Amino acid sequence: MASRDFQRMLAGYGLTTANIFYRMPDHPNLLQNYVWQDYDLHPDYPALRKFLDFWSRTLDGGVHSVTVAHAGLIRPAQWRMVGREFRLN
């Protein structure tokens, strides 16, 4: 049986990393950094949106900015020509 993460990758999910800058509740002039990572669908990012909705409803620190990086981990195989071949007996 394949792992849950592998099944999600086959369904089109890719590894998504979000760098979230938010304001400190006690010191609004200071920014803090939080890194979130999960498998998500590009370009709508439903899991990230769900997390950010939870953040805005539950946590005191207001989100300043979010930077997202996404990588589809399953892609066509890459190959290259081999210049020489050696055989050992």
Protein backbone atom coordinates (compact mmCIF):
# COMPACT_ATOMS: atom_id res chain seq x y z
CA MET A 1 0.00 0.00 0.00
CA ALA A 2 1.37 3.39 -0.98
CA SER A 3 1.73 6.10 1.63
CA ARG A 4 -0.90 8.84 1.93
CA ASP A 5 1.59 11.51 0.84
CA PHE A 6 2.55 9.53 -2.29
CA GLN A 7 -1.13 9.09 -3.20
CA ARG A 8 -1.63 12.83 -2.82
CA MET A 9 1.35 13.52 -5.13
CA LEU A 10 -0.19 11.26 -7.76
CA ALA A 11 -3.42 13.27 -7.43
CA GLY A 12 -1.55 16.48 -8.32
CA TYR A 13 -0.49 17.75 -4.91
CA GLY A 14 2.97 19.21 -4.49
CA LEU A 15 5.09 20.29 -1.57
CA THR A 16 4.14 23.86 -0.64
CA THR A 17 6.14 26.07 1.69
CA ALA A 18 4.73 29.36 2.95
CA ASN A 19 6.86 31.97 4.69
CA ILE A 20 4.41 33.95 6.83
CA PHE A 21 5.39 37.28 8.36
CA TYR A 22 3.07 38.46 11.10
CA ARG A 23 2.94 41.31 13.59
CA MET A 24 3.64 40.64 17.25
CA PRO A 25 0.46 41.27 19.30
CA ASP A 26 2.32 43.13 22.09
CA HIS A 27 4.73 44.95 19.74
CA PRO A 28 2.97 45.72 16.42
CA ASN A 29 6.10 47.36 14.97
CA LEU A 30 7.98 44.04 15.09
CA LEU A 31 7.54 41.28 12.53
CA GLN A 32 7.88 37.61 13.36
CA ASN A 33 8.42 34.78 10.88
CA TYR A 34 6.56 31.43 10.68
CA VAL A 35 7.25 28.71 8.10
CA TRP A 36 4.33 26.45 7.11
CA GLN A 37 4.81 23.36 4.92
CA ASP A 38 2.34 20.78 3.62
CA TYR A 39 1.19 19.12 0.40
CA ASP A 40 -1.20 21.41 -1.47
CA LEU A 41 -2.71 22.03 -4.91
CA HIS A 42 -1.29 24.74 -7.14
CA PRO A 43 -2.58 27.49 -7.90
CA ASP A 44 -5.56 27.63 -5.48
CA TYR A 45 -3.74 26.33 -2.35
CA PRO A 46 -6.83 25.14 -0.41
CA ALA A 47 -4.82 23.79 2.57
CA LEU A 48 -2.86 27.04 2.91
CA ARG A 49 -6.03 29.12 2.68
CA LYS A 50 -7.64 26.94 5.36
CA PHE A 51 -4.60 27.47 7.61
CA LEU A 52 -4.60 31.25 7.04
CA ASP A 53 -8.35 31.38 7.78
CA PHE A 54 -7.69 29.51 11.03
CA TRP A 55 -4.87 31.97 11.79
CA SER A 56 -7.05 35.04 11.28
CA ARG A 57 -9.93 33.60 13.37
CA THR A 58 -7.88 32.22 16.26
CA LEU A 59 -4.52 33.97 16.67
CA ASP A 60 -3.85 37.54 17.77
CA GLY A 61 -0.91 38.33 15.46
CA GLY A 62 -2.08 39.90 12.21
CA VAL A 63 -0.55 38.55 8.99
CA HIS A 64 1.71 41.06 7.25
CA SER A 65 2.72 39.06 4.17
CA VAL A 66 2.91 35.51 2.81
CA THR A 67 5.47 34.19 0.33
CA VAL A 68 4.67 30.81 -1.27
CA ALA A 69 6.97 28.28 -2.94
CA HIS A 70 5.53 25.18 -4.60
CA ALA A 71 7.23 22.14 -6.12
CA GLY A 72 5.49 19.29 -7.94
CA LEU A 73 7.58 16.37 -6.75
CA ILE A 74 6.46 13.81 -9.32
CA ARG A 75 7.56 14.83 -12.78
CA PRO A 76 8.90 13.13 -15.90
CA ALA A 77 12.22 11.43 -15.48
CA GLN A 78 15.24 13.45 -16.50
CA TRP A 79 17.91 11.69 -18.47
CA ARG A 80 21.22 12.53 -20.04
CA MET A 81 23.50 10.89 -22.55
CA VAL A 82 26.37 8.83 -21.17
CA GLY A 83 29.63 9.54 -22.92
CA ARG A 84 31.33 6.20 -22.28
CA GLU A 85 30.48 2.73 -21.15
CA PHE A 86 32.91 0.43 -19.34
CA ARG A 87 32.40 -3.25 -18.77
CA LEU A 88 34.01 -5.21 -15.96
CA ASN A 89 34.23 -8.98 -16.10
